[in-house]
N, C-alpha and C. Protein backbone atom coordinates (compact mmCIF):
# COMPACT_ATOMS: atom_id res chain seq x y z
N MET A 1 6.21 45.70 85.74
CA MET A 1 7.54 45.44 85.22
C MET A 1 8.35 44.73 86.31
N ALA A 2 8.89 43.54 85.98
CA ALA A 2 9.70 42.78 86.92
C ALA A 2 11.13 43.30 86.93
N GLU A 3 11.70 43.39 88.14
CA GLU A 3 13.09 43.80 88.30
C GLU A 3 13.86 42.68 88.97
N THR A 4 14.98 42.26 88.33
CA THR A 4 15.77 41.15 88.84
C THR A 4 17.25 41.48 88.76
N TYR A 5 17.95 41.35 89.90
CA TYR A 5 19.41 41.51 89.90
C TYR A 5 20.05 40.19 89.47
N LYS A 6 21.05 40.29 88.58
CA LYS A 6 21.73 39.10 88.08
C LYS A 6 23.22 39.39 87.89
N SER A 7 24.00 38.31 87.94
CA SER A 7 25.43 38.38 87.60
C SER A 7 25.72 37.32 86.55
N PHE A 8 26.59 37.66 85.61
CA PHE A 8 26.95 36.76 84.53
C PHE A 8 28.47 36.65 84.48
N GLY A 9 28.98 35.43 84.52
CA GLY A 9 30.41 35.20 84.45
C GLY A 9 30.78 34.54 83.14
N THR A 10 31.89 34.98 82.56
CA THR A 10 32.36 34.42 81.29
C THR A 10 33.87 34.25 81.35
N ALA A 11 34.34 33.07 80.92
CA ALA A 11 35.77 32.84 80.73
C ALA A 11 36.06 33.06 79.26
N LEU A 12 36.94 33.99 78.96
CA LEU A 12 37.26 34.30 77.56
C LEU A 12 38.24 33.25 77.05
N GLY A 13 37.72 32.28 76.30
CA GLY A 13 38.53 31.17 75.82
C GLY A 13 39.03 31.34 74.40
N THR A 14 38.90 32.53 73.86
CA THR A 14 39.32 32.80 72.50
C THR A 14 39.78 34.25 72.39
N THR A 15 40.48 34.56 71.32
CA THR A 15 40.87 35.95 71.08
C THR A 15 39.86 36.65 70.18
N GLY A 16 38.77 35.97 69.83
CA GLY A 16 37.70 36.59 69.06
C GLY A 16 36.76 37.34 69.99
N ALA A 17 35.96 38.24 69.44
CA ALA A 17 34.98 38.98 70.23
C ALA A 17 33.97 38.00 70.83
N THR A 18 33.79 38.09 72.16
CA THR A 18 32.92 37.19 72.91
C THR A 18 31.86 38.01 73.64
N THR A 19 30.59 37.66 73.46
CA THR A 19 29.52 38.36 74.18
C THR A 19 29.60 37.99 75.65
N ILE A 20 29.71 39.02 76.52
CA ILE A 20 29.75 38.78 77.96
C ILE A 20 28.43 39.16 78.62
N TYR A 21 27.57 39.89 77.90
CA TYR A 21 26.21 40.14 78.36
C TYR A 21 25.34 40.46 77.16
N ALA A 22 24.20 39.78 77.07
CA ALA A 22 23.22 40.05 76.02
C ALA A 22 21.99 40.65 76.68
N GLY A 23 21.60 41.83 76.26
CA GLY A 23 20.47 42.54 76.82
C GLY A 23 19.18 41.74 76.74
N VAL A 24 18.24 42.11 77.58
CA VAL A 24 16.94 41.44 77.65
C VAL A 24 15.90 42.24 76.88
N ILE A 25 14.71 41.65 76.73
CA ILE A 25 13.60 42.42 76.19
C ILE A 25 13.13 43.32 77.32
N GLY A 26 13.38 44.58 77.17
CA GLY A 26 13.16 45.56 78.22
C GLY A 26 14.41 46.40 78.35
N VAL A 27 14.77 46.70 79.59
CA VAL A 27 15.94 47.55 79.86
C VAL A 27 16.81 46.84 80.90
N ALA A 28 18.11 46.98 80.77
CA ALA A 28 19.04 46.46 81.76
C ALA A 28 19.95 47.60 82.22
N ILE A 29 20.16 47.68 83.51
CA ILE A 29 21.10 48.65 84.07
C ILE A 29 22.33 47.87 84.51
N VAL A 30 23.43 48.11 83.82
CA VAL A 30 24.69 47.44 84.14
C VAL A 30 25.35 48.21 85.27
N ASN A 31 25.53 47.54 86.41
CA ASN A 31 26.10 48.19 87.59
C ASN A 31 27.60 48.03 87.69
N GLY A 32 28.13 46.97 87.10
CA GLY A 32 29.57 46.75 87.18
C GLY A 32 30.05 45.73 86.17
N ILE A 33 31.27 45.93 85.71
CA ILE A 33 31.95 44.95 84.86
C ILE A 33 33.34 44.77 85.44
N ASN A 34 33.62 43.56 85.92
CA ASN A 34 34.92 43.22 86.49
C ASN A 34 35.67 42.34 85.50
N ILE A 35 36.92 42.68 85.24
CA ILE A 35 37.79 41.93 84.35
C ILE A 35 38.96 41.43 85.18
N SER A 36 39.19 40.10 85.20
CA SER A 36 40.31 39.53 85.96
C SER A 36 41.25 38.77 85.04
N ASN A 37 42.53 39.10 85.15
CA ASN A 37 43.57 38.34 84.44
C ASN A 37 43.94 37.19 85.36
N ILE A 38 43.50 35.98 85.02
CA ILE A 38 43.70 34.82 85.88
C ILE A 38 45.04 34.13 85.65
N ASN A 39 45.81 34.60 84.68
CA ASN A 39 47.11 34.01 84.39
C ASN A 39 48.08 34.44 85.49
N GLY A 40 48.89 33.52 85.97
CA GLY A 40 49.80 33.82 87.08
C GLY A 40 51.05 34.58 86.71
N THR A 41 51.40 34.60 85.43
CA THR A 41 52.69 35.20 85.06
C THR A 41 52.63 36.20 83.92
N GLY A 42 51.60 36.16 83.07
CA GLY A 42 51.61 37.00 81.88
C GLY A 42 50.59 38.12 81.89
N SER A 43 50.95 39.20 81.23
CA SER A 43 50.04 40.32 81.01
C SER A 43 49.56 40.28 79.57
N THR A 44 48.38 40.80 79.34
CA THR A 44 47.86 40.92 77.98
C THR A 44 46.80 42.02 77.97
N THR A 45 46.24 42.27 76.81
CA THR A 45 45.29 43.37 76.65
C THR A 45 43.86 42.84 76.52
N ILE A 46 42.92 43.74 76.77
CA ILE A 46 41.51 43.43 76.58
C ILE A 46 40.81 44.66 76.03
N THR A 47 39.82 44.42 75.18
CA THR A 47 38.95 45.46 74.64
C THR A 47 37.52 45.10 75.00
N VAL A 48 36.73 46.09 75.44
CA VAL A 48 35.33 45.88 75.78
C VAL A 48 34.50 46.90 75.00
N GLU A 49 33.41 46.41 74.39
CA GLU A 49 32.55 47.27 73.57
C GLU A 49 31.08 47.04 73.89
N MET A 50 30.28 48.10 73.76
CA MET A 50 28.83 47.97 73.77
C MET A 50 28.39 47.96 72.31
N VAL A 51 27.52 47.00 71.96
CA VAL A 51 27.08 46.87 70.57
C VAL A 51 25.59 47.19 70.49
N LYS A 52 25.26 48.18 69.65
CA LYS A 52 23.88 48.57 69.37
C LYS A 52 23.65 48.34 67.88
N GLY A 53 22.81 47.35 67.56
CA GLY A 53 22.60 47.01 66.16
C GLY A 53 23.90 46.49 65.57
N ALA A 54 24.37 47.13 64.50
CA ALA A 54 25.61 46.72 63.85
C ALA A 54 26.79 47.61 64.27
N THR A 55 26.58 48.53 65.21
CA THR A 55 27.63 49.48 65.58
C THR A 55 28.20 49.16 66.95
N ALA A 56 29.53 49.06 67.03
CA ALA A 56 30.22 48.82 68.29
C ALA A 56 30.79 50.14 68.82
N PHE A 57 30.57 50.37 70.12
CA PHE A 57 31.07 51.57 70.79
C PHE A 57 32.08 51.14 71.85
N SER A 58 33.28 51.69 71.78
CA SER A 58 34.36 51.30 72.67
C SER A 58 34.10 51.76 74.10
N MET A 59 34.27 50.83 75.04
CA MET A 59 34.22 51.15 76.47
C MET A 59 35.62 51.08 77.08
N LEU A 60 36.44 50.21 76.51
CA LEU A 60 37.82 50.00 76.96
C LEU A 60 38.58 49.48 75.75
N SER A 61 39.68 50.12 75.40
CA SER A 61 40.35 49.75 74.16
C SER A 61 41.80 49.34 74.41
N ASN A 62 42.11 48.07 74.10
CA ASN A 62 43.48 47.55 74.23
C ASN A 62 44.13 47.90 75.56
N CYS A 63 43.40 47.67 76.63
CA CYS A 63 43.90 47.98 77.98
C CYS A 63 44.76 46.82 78.48
N ALA A 64 46.00 47.11 78.87
CA ALA A 64 46.87 46.08 79.43
C ALA A 64 46.45 45.77 80.86
N VAL A 65 46.32 44.46 81.15
CA VAL A 65 45.97 44.01 82.49
C VAL A 65 47.07 43.06 82.95
N ASN A 66 47.71 43.41 84.05
CA ASN A 66 48.81 42.60 84.58
C ASN A 66 48.33 41.27 85.11
N ALA A 67 49.23 40.30 85.14
CA ALA A 67 48.93 38.97 85.65
C ALA A 67 48.40 39.05 87.08
N GLY A 68 47.34 38.30 87.36
CA GLY A 68 46.81 38.20 88.71
C GLY A 68 46.11 39.44 89.23
N THR A 69 45.74 40.37 88.34
CA THR A 69 45.04 41.58 88.78
C THR A 69 43.66 41.67 88.14
N SER A 70 42.84 42.54 88.73
CA SER A 70 41.48 42.79 88.23
C SER A 70 41.26 44.28 88.05
N ILE A 71 40.36 44.62 87.12
CA ILE A 71 39.97 46.02 86.93
C ILE A 71 38.45 46.10 86.85
N GLN A 72 37.91 47.23 87.26
CA GLN A 72 36.50 47.57 87.08
C GLN A 72 36.45 48.59 85.97
N ILE A 73 35.54 48.42 85.00
CA ILE A 73 35.57 49.36 83.89
C ILE A 73 34.42 50.36 83.88
N LEU A 74 33.50 50.28 84.83
CA LEU A 74 32.43 51.28 84.91
C LEU A 74 32.61 52.11 86.17
N ASP A 75 32.42 53.42 86.04
CA ASP A 75 32.42 54.27 87.23
C ASP A 75 31.03 54.79 87.55
N ALA A 76 30.05 54.40 86.72
CA ALA A 76 28.64 54.75 86.95
C ALA A 76 27.80 53.71 86.22
N PRO A 77 26.56 53.48 86.67
CA PRO A 77 25.70 52.52 85.97
C PRO A 77 25.48 52.92 84.51
N MET A 78 25.27 51.91 83.67
CA MET A 78 25.06 52.13 82.24
C MET A 78 23.75 51.43 81.84
N VAL A 79 22.91 52.12 81.08
CA VAL A 79 21.64 51.56 80.63
C VAL A 79 21.81 50.91 79.27
N LEU A 80 21.30 49.68 79.15
CA LEU A 80 21.28 48.98 77.86
C LEU A 80 19.83 48.78 77.45
N ASP A 81 19.53 49.13 76.22
CA ASP A 81 18.20 48.88 75.67
C ASP A 81 18.10 47.45 75.18
N SER A 82 16.89 47.02 74.92
CA SER A 82 16.64 45.68 74.41
C SER A 82 17.50 45.41 73.18
N GLY A 83 18.15 44.26 73.15
CA GLY A 83 18.96 43.86 72.00
C GLY A 83 20.39 44.32 72.02
N ASN A 84 20.75 45.25 72.91
CA ASN A 84 22.14 45.68 73.02
C ASN A 84 22.96 44.59 73.70
N THR A 85 24.24 44.51 73.37
CA THR A 85 25.12 43.54 74.01
C THR A 85 26.42 44.21 74.45
N ILE A 86 27.14 43.51 75.31
CA ILE A 86 28.49 43.91 75.69
C ILE A 86 29.40 42.74 75.31
N ARG A 87 30.49 43.06 74.62
CA ARG A 87 31.41 42.00 74.22
C ARG A 87 32.84 42.39 74.59
N ALA A 88 33.66 41.36 74.75
CA ALA A 88 35.06 41.56 75.11
C ALA A 88 35.94 40.77 74.16
N THR A 89 37.12 41.33 73.88
CA THR A 89 38.10 40.67 73.03
C THR A 89 39.43 40.64 73.78
N ALA A 90 39.93 39.43 74.03
CA ALA A 90 41.19 39.26 74.76
C ALA A 90 42.37 39.24 73.81
N GLY A 91 43.51 39.75 74.28
CA GLY A 91 44.73 39.71 73.48
C GLY A 91 45.30 38.31 73.38
N LEU A 92 45.11 37.50 74.42
CA LEU A 92 45.58 36.11 74.44
C LEU A 92 44.48 35.20 74.97
N THR A 93 44.43 33.99 74.49
CA THR A 93 43.41 33.03 74.89
C THR A 93 43.61 32.54 76.32
N GLY A 94 42.50 32.45 77.07
CA GLY A 94 42.52 31.85 78.39
C GLY A 94 43.05 32.71 79.52
N TYR A 95 43.18 34.01 79.31
CA TYR A 95 43.74 34.89 80.35
C TYR A 95 42.68 35.57 81.21
N PHE A 96 41.44 35.72 80.71
CA PHE A 96 40.48 36.57 81.41
C PHE A 96 39.20 35.86 81.82
N HIS A 97 38.72 36.26 83.01
CA HIS A 97 37.36 35.99 83.44
C HIS A 97 36.67 37.35 83.56
N THR A 98 35.39 37.40 83.18
CA THR A 98 34.62 38.63 83.34
C THR A 98 33.39 38.35 84.17
N ILE A 99 32.97 39.35 84.94
CA ILE A 99 31.72 39.29 85.69
C ILE A 99 30.96 40.57 85.40
N VAL A 100 29.73 40.41 84.94
CA VAL A 100 28.85 41.55 84.65
C VAL A 100 27.69 41.50 85.64
N SER A 101 27.47 42.59 86.35
CA SER A 101 26.38 42.69 87.33
C SER A 101 25.32 43.64 86.77
N VAL A 102 24.06 43.17 86.69
CA VAL A 102 23.01 43.97 86.07
C VAL A 102 21.70 43.90 86.86
N LEU A 103 20.88 44.92 86.64
CA LEU A 103 19.49 44.92 87.07
C LEU A 103 18.66 44.86 85.80
N GLU A 104 17.96 43.73 85.60
CA GLU A 104 17.13 43.56 84.41
C GLU A 104 15.69 43.95 84.73
N MET A 105 15.10 44.76 83.85
CA MET A 105 13.70 45.19 84.01
C MET A 105 12.93 44.74 82.78
N THR A 106 12.09 43.72 82.98
CA THR A 106 11.34 43.15 81.87
C THR A 106 9.85 43.28 82.08
């Protein structure tokens, strides 16, 4: 089984649900999810969910993030099975960058 550390960055350019990490065939251990509000003056909200099949499970719900600040939303590693995804929904377009750090085992 190959083990590879990876980071994935996404700019949320829409207020629709955006996949910020798509699981691999195998297992992925998510070590961190960083959310940054890159807007210099405005605050807005973000929601983050883990999706298994057709069911979404809330990880962070309508959390306000102030302008120019970042938050970490995991306090312990999280295991994702094959086919699971993590998605984020921004309150306003163009406010957030996300970074997901994972260990993929394929």
